[in-house]
Every structure is written in structure tokens, then in C-alpha cells.
């Protein structure tokens, strides 16, 4: 969860005035605070572009009509925040993302105007290779080189143990952001833009050991609205065989199989669910340890949808995908769930829907 004060977290469960801010950074260097009447920021770790936004503004002059307007708009960015007013003249805002402005549309006379944007990973994804590209070195140095290739002033923060990556080449037209994700997977990690616009390299928190960051409880003083649970075995796997082979580095074929080894898990490798392996191959994997790390990450992604949930609560703009939540249902049962996606509204109405990727009972 994005670092916020305890005061903000407690105020979220109380009646409060919502504070929102939308800043437009034009290519001219001008920064404009945009009046807005609605919109949302959607965050989904299952998507290559993790954060997207929609903002509704009443001012039709935002629609570019001249060549000068277009030059100022193409390449512009949006910074969006949401928080609370405390009623004593102070407020606290939480960043929801830094976005490349991709679309502006609306009624040219009366408005409203809709602005759509994607997080800065879209800049890297669109900057496809125009010549063959080769990545070498370590995971973090290879990721840094790819990111600053498209965004020279990007900030990259890594919380993983860096490790060597096998030489990997991509052809012309290759997707540089997909290349970043492949390199990160060699360390069992993810790479993504954070809410404040930096790039993070980190591993997915373990639901079994992570400390819950927020409680969604029913009853007086709680933020619980409703919840649903679902289970499916479609595209659920309980084992991943990761393989690597790199003739450029003279690395012979290697592999590692990682399975769901928890006898209490419904997808236990040796249980009634049966054996359902999936496979991952990359020349970036040059050691058995790298294969194990990559397989562990893939297993976390493919096993956990076995138990999924949809929760509606009062909005918490500080949440991040991967956060572990404690859910206290009206019937007294409690469980831990891990955030997969959510949508933060920029207006006062509406629920705050959260989809989760895993769940377990909480004592």
C-alpha cells in the first residue's frame, strides 16, 4: 500500500469530504490544474499496461483544434490524486498514477470533455525495436537500460536480489515492454509503474506470510459494502516447468519444476485436483535458481485464480495490486485476500470494487 497516515486510513471509514486533483502537464512545460466532474483510475496487475485513467472535464477548450494545440497535447501527461479534506483546512492526497494522455474527445461547444490515458509503460510498449536489440548483464541493469531507452529520466526502484540474466535478443518490431516483463520474470519478479510514476521491480507478496495492510470489516465503523466469492478451474495450473537454453552464452538446457506442495491447498499437486502443469521458456534463464524463481512467479499467477473474490468497500486510494487485505464478513467469518485489480472513482458516488486473486481463512 502506498504510504499514508493513520489519520487518512481512519477517516476513510468516516463521513468525509473527498479531495481530488488532476494536473495536466503540457509539452510546453505548462502545468494546468483541471476542473473535473468525474472519472476513474483502473489498476489491474493482469494487464500489461497496469494503470489506465478516464477524466471528465466540463471545459471544451481542452479539445485541440489547431496545430499548436495538437503539439501541446501530443505527449502531454496527467497526474491524478485522490484523498480527503480533514475539515481543519488541511488535506492529504494520494497519487493514483502518472499517465500519458492518449485521447481527448467531447462536444466542442458545450462539453463535457473526456480524457483517457495510460501509465508510462505504454511509452515503452509503443517504442518498438527498430533494430535488433540484445539484453545482457543483470536483471536490474537490463531493465534499466530498456526503460531509459524510452524514458531517459525514468526512476527505477528495485527491491529484489539482483541476478545475472542470460543474453537475450529481440528482432525488429519487438515489444520493449514485453521484453522488460520477460527479464523481470527471470528473477521471479514483476516490473511496473507505481502510483507516483516511478518504475518498481519487486516480487509478489506471499499471501501466507504477508501482513495485511487494511481491514475491510462490516458493521459500525467498517468500510465493507458487499462481497462475493467464486471458484473456477479454467486456466488454473498447479505446476510450472520453467526451462532455459542459451547457445549465445553456451548454456546447456536447464529446467526446474515448481508445484503446489501445500497438502491443505485445493490445488495440491498430489491431491484430487490432479496434476495440471504449464510451461515457461526463456533464454534469460541460465541457472536452475533462475528457473525456480521464474516458475514460482508463474505459479503464483496461474494457481491463485482458483479462489477469487469481488469486494465492494468505501474507496481507499492507497491500495496497490498484491496488497493483502483482511476481510471480516457480516456472518463473522474472516479471511485474507490479495488485491488483483480495482477502480478508484474521482467523484463521490459509486462503490469501490476490488477483485482478488487468492483467499485463505483468517483465524
Protein backbone atom coordinates (compact mmCIF):
# COMPACT_ATOMS: atom_id res chain seq x y z
CA UNK A 1 0.00 0.00 0.00
CA UNK A 2 1.19 3.49 -0.77
CA UNK A 3 2.49 5.12 2.44
CA UNK A 4 -0.23 7.24 4.02
CA UNK A 5 -1.02 8.50 7.51
CA UNK A 6 -3.09 6.55 10.03
CA UNK A 7 -5.30 9.62 10.12
CA UNK A 8 -6.24 9.14 6.47
CA UNK A 9 -6.97 5.43 6.89
CA UNK A 10 -9.26 6.07 9.85
CA UNK A 11 -11.01 8.95 8.06
CA UNK A 12 -11.86 6.66 5.10
CA UNK A 13 -14.38 4.86 7.31
CA UNK A 14 -15.97 8.12 8.46
CA UNK A 15 -18.04 10.73 6.72
CA UNK A 16 -15.56 12.97 4.93
CA UNK A 17 -15.12 15.34 2.02
CA UNK A 18 -13.22 13.76 -0.86
CA UNK A 19 -10.23 15.66 -2.27
CA UNK A 20 -9.18 15.02 -5.87
CA UNK A 21 -6.65 16.66 -8.14
CA UNK A 22 -5.95 16.29 -11.84
CA UNK A 23 -2.89 18.02 -13.26
CA UNK A 24 -2.24 18.33 -17.00
CA UNK A 25 1.45 18.59 -17.95
CA UNK A 26 1.61 20.08 -21.44
CA UNK A 27 4.65 19.66 -23.67
CA UNK A 28 5.20 23.43 -23.42
CA UNK A 29 6.15 22.97 -19.77
CA UNK A 30 2.89 24.50 -18.57
CA UNK A 31 1.09 22.67 -15.74
CA UNK A 32 -2.67 23.11 -15.52
CA UNK A 33 -4.97 22.06 -12.68
CA UNK A 34 -8.00 20.66 -14.47
CA UNK A 35 -11.52 21.18 -13.15
CA UNK A 36 -13.21 17.79 -13.36
CA UNK A 37 -16.61 16.32 -12.68
CA UNK A 38 -15.80 12.61 -12.69
CA UNK A 39 -13.65 9.82 -13.96
CA UNK A 40 -11.71 6.90 -12.55
CA UNK A 41 -8.33 5.21 -12.36
CA UNK A 42 -8.29 1.48 -13.05
CA UNK A 43 -5.42 -0.65 -11.77
CA UNK A 44 -5.07 -4.28 -12.92
CA UNK A 45 -1.92 -6.37 -12.45
CA UNK A 46 -3.16 -8.89 -15.05
CA UNK A 47 -2.81 -6.30 -17.81
CA UNK A 48 0.48 -5.39 -19.48
CA UNK A 49 -0.48 -1.72 -19.06
CA UNK A 50 -1.32 -1.80 -15.35
CA UNK A 51 -2.88 1.67 -14.83
CA UNK A 52 -5.35 3.49 -17.07
CA UNK A 53 -7.45 6.57 -16.43
CA UNK A 54 -10.55 8.41 -17.60
CA UNK A 55 -11.24 12.01 -16.57
CA UNK A 56 -14.36 14.03 -17.34
CA UNK A 57 -13.89 17.80 -17.60
CA UNK A 58 -16.50 20.48 -18.30
CA UNK A 59 -14.21 22.73 -20.41
CA UNK A 60 -14.45 22.11 -24.21
CA UNK A 61 -11.38 24.29 -24.81
CA UNK A 62 -9.31 21.25 -23.86
CA UNK A 63 -10.09 19.72 -27.26
CA UNK A 64 -7.10 20.50 -29.52
CA UNK A 65 -8.23 22.35 -32.66
CA UNK A 66 -5.11 23.99 -34.05
CA UNK A 67 -1.65 22.68 -34.88
CA UNK A 68 -0.29 24.48 -31.83
CA UNK A 69 -2.91 22.85 -29.60
CA UNK A 70 -2.03 19.45 -31.02
CA UNK A 71 1.69 19.94 -30.42
CA UNK A 72 0.98 20.87 -26.80
CA UNK A 73 -1.35 17.89 -26.30
CA UNK A 74 0.50 15.05 -28.03
CA UNK A 75 2.94 13.79 -25.42
CA UNK A 76 1.14 15.55 -22.55
CA UNK A 77 0.77 13.79 -19.21
CA UNK A 78 -1.84 13.60 -16.45
CA UNK A 79 -1.07 13.25 -12.76
CA UNK A 80 -4.09 12.17 -10.73
CA UNK A 81 -4.55 12.07 -6.95
CA UNK A 82 -7.35 11.37 -4.51
CA UNK A 83 -7.55 11.85 -0.75
CA UNK A 84 -9.52 13.60 1.96
CA UNK A 85 -10.13 17.06 3.36
CA UNK A 86 -9.84 16.97 7.14
CA UNK A 87 -12.12 19.91 7.84
CA UNK A 88 -9.42 21.91 9.60
CA UNK A 89 -8.04 23.49 6.44
CA UNK A 90 -5.66 20.60 5.75
CA UNK A 91 -5.90 17.71 3.32
CA UNK A 92 -3.97 14.60 2.31
CA UNK A 93 -3.71 13.44 -1.29
CA UNK A 94 -2.58 10.02 -2.50
CA UNK A 95 -1.14 9.65 -6.03
CA UNK A 96 -3.10 7.38 -8.34
CA UNK A 97 -0.70 7.46 -11.28
CA UNK A 98 1.18 9.42 -13.88
CA UNK A 99 -0.39 8.88 -17.29
CA UNK A 100 0.38 9.63 -20.90
CA UNK A 101 -2.59 11.49 -22.36
CA UNK A 102 -3.82 9.36 -25.26
CA UNK A 103 -7.23 10.71 -26.18
CA UNK A 104 -9.28 13.90 -25.82
CA UNK A 105 -12.86 13.96 -27.09
CA UNK A 106 -16.19 15.66 -26.44
CA UNK A 107 -18.71 18.23 -27.60
CA UNK A 108 -16.70 21.17 -28.98
CA UNK A 109 -19.32 23.70 -27.93
CA UNK A 110 -20.83 22.58 -24.64
CA UNK A 111 -18.60 19.78 -23.36
CA UNK A 112 -18.07 17.71 -21.37
CA UNK A 113 -14.65 16.51 -22.47
CA UNK A 114 -13.28 13.04 -21.77
CA UNK A 115 -9.55 12.50 -21.36
CA UNK A 116 -8.11 8.98 -21.48
CA UNK A 117 -4.60 7.96 -20.52
CA UNK A 118 -2.27 5.03 -19.89
CA UNK A 119 0.60 4.69 -17.45
CA UNK A 120 4.16 5.24 -18.65
CA UNK A 121 4.70 1.59 -19.54
CA UNK A 122 2.72 2.44 -22.68
CA UNK A 123 5.59 4.73 -23.75
CA UNK A 124 7.97 1.76 -23.62
CA UNK A 125 5.50 -0.64 -25.28
CA UNK A 126 4.98 1.74 -28.21
CA UNK A 127 8.72 2.31 -28.65
CA UNK A 128 9.20 -0.94 -30.53
CA UNK A 129 12.63 -2.04 -31.64
CA UNK A 130 13.67 -0.58 -34.99
CA UNK A 131 16.88 -2.61 -34.94
CA UNK A 132 17.77 -5.94 -33.29
CA UNK A 133 18.20 -5.44 -29.54
CA UNK A 134 20.26 -7.55 -27.13
CA UNK A 135 19.98 -7.52 -23.34
CA UNK A 136 22.83 -8.73 -21.11
CA UNK A 137 24.14 -8.25 -17.59
CA UNK A 138 21.86 -8.48 -14.59
CA UNK A 139 18.10 -8.25 -14.30
CA UNK A 140 18.14 -4.71 -12.90
CA UNK A 141 20.76 -3.33 -15.30
CA UNK A 142 19.00 -4.88 -18.29
CA UNK A 143 15.63 -3.47 -17.16
CA UNK A 144 17.13 -0.05 -16.51
CA UNK A 145 18.66 0.05 -19.99
CA UNK A 146 15.33 -0.82 -21.61
CA UNK A 147 13.31 1.68 -19.60
CA UNK A 148 15.66 4.67 -20.00
CA UNK A 149 15.91 3.86 -23.71
CA UNK A 150 12.34 5.20 -23.98
CA UNK A 151 12.14 7.45 -20.88
CA UNK A 152 15.62 8.90 -20.22
CA UNK A 153 14.69 10.49 -16.88
CA UNK A 154 12.83 7.45 -15.52
CA UNK A 155 13.45 6.40 -11.93
CA UNK A 156 13.75 2.66 -11.25
CA UNK A 157 13.48 1.25 -7.73
CA UNK A 158 14.36 -2.40 -7.17
CA UNK A 159 13.61 -4.42 -4.04
CA UNK A 160 14.81 -7.77 -5.40
CA UNK A 161 18.11 -9.60 -5.10
CA UNK A 162 19.71 -8.85 -8.44
CA UNK A 163 20.94 -11.75 -10.52
CA UNK A 164 22.62 -12.40 -13.86
CA UNK A 165 20.41 -12.76 -16.89
CA UNK A 166 21.21 -14.78 -19.99
CA UNK A 167 21.86 -12.96 -23.24
CA UNK A 168 18.52 -12.36 -24.93
CA UNK A 169 17.93 -10.81 -28.36
CA UNK A 170 14.77 -9.38 -29.88
CA UNK A 171 14.04 -8.77 -33.54
CA UNK A 172 12.87 -5.60 -35.24
CA UNK A 173 9.27 -4.75 -34.24
CA UNK A 174 9.73 -6.44 -30.86
CA UNK A 175 7.75 -5.10 -27.88
CA UNK A 176 10.19 -3.48 -25.45
CA UNK A 177 7.74 -3.61 -22.53
CA UNK A 178 7.15 -7.33 -23.08
CA UNK A 179 10.94 -7.66 -23.05
CA UNK A 180 11.02 -5.90 -19.65
CA UNK A 181 8.46 -8.31 -18.24
CA UNK A 182 10.40 -11.32 -19.54
CA UNK A 183 13.64 -10.10 -17.98
CA UNK A 184 11.94 -9.43 -14.63
CA UNK A 185 10.44 -12.92 -14.68
CA UNK A 186 13.97 -14.35 -14.76
CA UNK A 187 14.25 -13.20 -11.13
CA UNK A 188 10.70 -14.21 -10.24
CA UNK A 189 9.77 -10.53 -10.20
CA UNK A 190 7.44 -8.01 -11.79
CA UNK A 191 8.20 -4.60 -13.27
CA UNK A 192 5.55 -1.88 -13.35
CA UNK A 193 4.97 1.87 -12.96
CA UNK A 194 3.91 2.82 -9.45
CA UNK A 195 1.29 5.32 -8.36
CA UNK A 196 3.88 8.12 -8.22
CA UNK A 197 5.26 7.41 -11.71
CA UNK A 198 8.46 5.57 -10.79
CA UNK A 199 9.19 2.05 -12.04
CA UNK A 200 9.30 -0.74 -9.47
CA UNK A 201 10.98 -4.13 -9.71
CA UNK A 202 9.58 -6.36 -6.99
CA UNK A 203 8.19 -9.77 -6.15
CA UNK A 204 4.54 -10.51 -5.42
CA UNK A 205 3.92 -10.64 -1.64
CA UNK A 206 3.22 -14.13 -0.29
CA UNK A 207 -0.37 -14.34 0.95
CA UNK A 208 0.66 -16.85 3.62
CA UNK A 209 3.27 -14.61 5.24
CA UNK A 210 2.45 -11.00 4.28
CA UNK A 211 0.98 -8.66 6.88
CA UNK A 212 -2.50 -7.36 5.92
CA UNK A 213 -2.36 -3.66 5.06
CA UNK A 214 -6.06 -2.86 5.52
CA UNK A 215 -9.15 -4.36 7.06
CA UNK A 216 -12.48 -4.34 5.27
CA UNK A 217 -14.95 -5.00 8.06
CA UNK A 218 -18.73 -4.90 8.22
CA UNK A 219 -20.69 -3.13 10.90
CA UNK A 220 -20.30 0.25 12.55
CA UNK A 221 -17.02 1.93 11.70
CA UNK A 222 -16.29 -0.53 8.90
CA UNK A 223 -15.85 0.06 5.17
CA UNK A 224 -17.46 -3.19 3.98
CA UNK A 225 -20.30 -2.86 1.46
CA UNK A 226 -20.67 -6.34 -0.08
CA UNK A 227 -18.58 -9.28 -1.23
CA UNK A 228 -18.81 -12.33 -3.47
CA UNK A 229 -16.64 -15.40 -3.90
CA UNK A 230 -16.09 -17.63 -6.87
CA UNK A 231 -14.06 -20.66 -7.87
CA UNK A 232 -13.01 -21.92 -11.27
CA UNK A 233 -10.55 -24.47 -12.58
CA UNK A 234 -10.38 -22.89 -16.02
CA UNK A 235 -6.76 -21.95 -16.81
CA UNK A 236 -5.70 -22.93 -13.30
CA UNK A 237 -2.41 -24.82 -13.07
CA UNK A 238 -0.68 -26.31 -10.05
CA UNK A 239 2.77 -26.76 -11.52
CA UNK A 240 5.13 -24.77 -13.73
CA UNK A 241 8.11 -26.18 -15.59
CA UNK A 242 10.49 -23.33 -16.44
CA UNK A 243 13.21 -24.05 -18.99
CA UNK A 244 16.20 -22.16 -20.26
CA UNK A 245 18.74 -22.70 -23.01
CA UNK A 246 21.17 -20.12 -24.33
CA UNK A 247 23.51 -21.02 -27.13
CA UNK A 248 24.95 -17.50 -27.16
CA UNK A 249 26.22 -17.95 -23.59
CA UNK A 250 26.98 -21.68 -24.12
CA UNK A 251 24.41 -22.66 -21.51
CA UNK A 252 23.04 -26.18 -21.91
CA UNK A 253 19.32 -26.82 -21.45
CA UNK A 254 18.23 -26.46 -17.81
CA UNK A 255 14.87 -26.62 -16.08
CA UNK A 256 13.06 -26.53 -12.77
CA UNK A 257 9.59 -27.75 -11.86
CA UNK A 258 7.75 -25.85 -9.13
CA UNK A 259 4.45 -27.28 -7.90
CA UNK A 260 1.79 -26.53 -5.32
CA UNK A 261 3.25 -28.54 -2.47
CA UNK A 262 0.77 -27.49 0.24
CA UNK A 263 -1.35 -30.54 1.25
CA UNK A 264 -4.03 -28.16 2.53
CA UNK A 265 -4.33 -26.37 -0.80
CA UNK A 266 -7.24 -27.27 -3.08
CA UNK A 267 -4.78 -27.34 -5.99
CA UNK A 268 -2.23 -29.58 -4.22
CA UNK A 269 -0.03 -31.27 -6.85
CA UNK A 270 -0.65 -34.73 -5.40
CA UNK A 271 -4.27 -34.11 -4.42
CA UNK A 272 -7.68 -34.69 -6.06
CA UNK A 273 -7.25 -31.61 -8.29
CA UNK A 274 -4.79 -33.70 -10.29
CA UNK A 275 -1.59 -32.63 -11.98
CA UNK A 276 -2.07 -29.68 -14.33
CA UNK A 277 1.31 -28.27 -15.37
CA UNK A 278 2.02 -25.29 -17.57
CA UNK A 279 5.33 -24.30 -19.15
CA UNK A 280 7.56 -21.24 -19.40
CA UNK A 281 10.66 -20.92 -21.58
CA UNK A 282 13.16 -18.08 -21.93
CA UNK A 283 16.85 -17.81 -22.87
CA UNK A 284 17.23 -15.34 -19.98
CA UNK A 285 17.14 -18.36 -17.64
CA UNK A 286 20.72 -19.60 -17.32
CA UNK A 287 20.68 -21.27 -13.87
CA UNK A 288 18.42 -23.70 -12.08
CA UNK A 289 17.83 -21.00 -9.46
CA UNK A 290 16.59 -18.62 -12.15
CA UNK A 291 14.28 -21.33 -13.49
CA UNK A 292 12.92 -21.91 -9.98
CA UNK A 293 12.33 -18.18 -9.44
CA UNK A 294 10.56 -17.78 -12.78
CA UNK A 295 8.44 -20.89 -12.18
CA UNK A 296 7.48 -19.66 -8.72
CA UNK A 297 6.25 -16.35 -10.16
CA UNK A 298 4.29 -18.08 -12.91
CA UNK A 299 2.76 -20.49 -10.41
CA UNK A 300 1.55 -17.58 -8.27
CA UNK A 301 -0.18 -16.16 -11.34
CA UNK A 302 -1.74 -19.41 -12.57
CA UNK A 303 -2.73 -21.13 -9.33
CA UNK A 304 -4.42 -18.40 -7.31
CA UNK A 305 -7.47 -17.70 -9.53
CA UNK A 306 -8.80 -20.97 -8.09
CA UNK A 307 -10.30 -18.77 -5.38
CA UNK A 308 -11.35 -15.31 -6.45
CA UNK A 309 -13.39 -12.59 -4.88
CA UNK A 310 -15.09 -9.35 -5.65
CA UNK A 311 -15.38 -6.91 -2.79
CA UNK A 312 -17.04 -3.53 -2.67
CA UNK A 313 -15.92 -1.14 0.03
CA UNK A 314 -15.53 2.54 0.68
CA UNK A 315 -12.69 3.79 -1.57
CA UNK A 316 -9.08 3.50 -0.44
CA UNK A 317 -6.83 5.29 -2.97
CA UNK A 318 -3.65 3.96 -1.33
CA UNK A 319 -4.15 0.31 -2.29
CA UNK A 320 -1.75 -1.47 -4.65
CA UNK A 321 -2.08 -4.77 -6.53
CA UNK A 322 -0.62 -7.55 -4.41
CA UNK A 323 -1.71 -5.94 -1.12
CA UNK A 324 -3.12 -8.42 1.38
CA UNK A 325 -6.48 -7.45 2.90
CA UNK A 326 -8.29 -8.79 5.95
CA UNK A 327 -11.98 -9.24 5.19
CA UNK A 328 -14.49 -9.51 8.05
CA UNK A 329 -17.87 -10.63 6.68
CA UNK A 330 -21.23 -9.90 8.34
CA UNK A 331 -21.62 -13.59 9.30
CA UNK A 332 -18.49 -13.39 11.43
CA UNK A 333 -16.16 -15.27 9.08
CA UNK A 334 -12.79 -13.74 8.30
CA UNK A 335 -10.34 -14.31 5.51
CA UNK A 336 -7.29 -12.86 3.85
CA UNK A 337 -7.45 -11.85 0.20
CA UNK A 338 -4.85 -10.43 -2.17
CA UNK A 339 -5.66 -7.48 -4.41
CA UNK A 340 -5.64 -8.10 -8.17
CA UNK A 341 -7.45 -5.07 -9.56
CA UNK A 342 -9.61 -2.13 -8.56
CA UNK A 343 -11.04 1.12 -9.86
CA UNK A 344 -10.77 4.36 -7.89
CA UNK A 345 -13.55 6.89 -8.66
CA UNK A 346 -12.83 10.59 -8.96
CA UNK A 347 -16.34 11.56 -7.91
CA UNK A 348 -18.27 11.00 -4.70
CA UNK A 349 -20.70 8.35 -5.89
CA UNK A 350 -20.31 4.69 -6.62
CA UNK A 351 -18.69 1.70 -4.99
CA UNK A 352 -15.03 0.83 -4.84
CA UNK A 353 -14.85 -2.63 -6.46
CA UNK A 354 -11.81 -4.78 -5.66
CA UNK A 355 -11.06 -8.07 -7.41
CA UNK A 356 -8.77 -10.50 -5.63
CA UNK A 357 -6.56 -13.34 -6.84
CA UNK A 358 -6.37 -15.52 -3.75
CA UNK A 359 -8.04 -16.14 -0.44
CA UNK A 360 -7.48 -18.12 2.74
CA UNK A 361 -9.26 -18.32 6.05
CA UNK A 362 -8.03 -15.96 8.73
CA UNK A 363 -8.00 -17.24 12.30
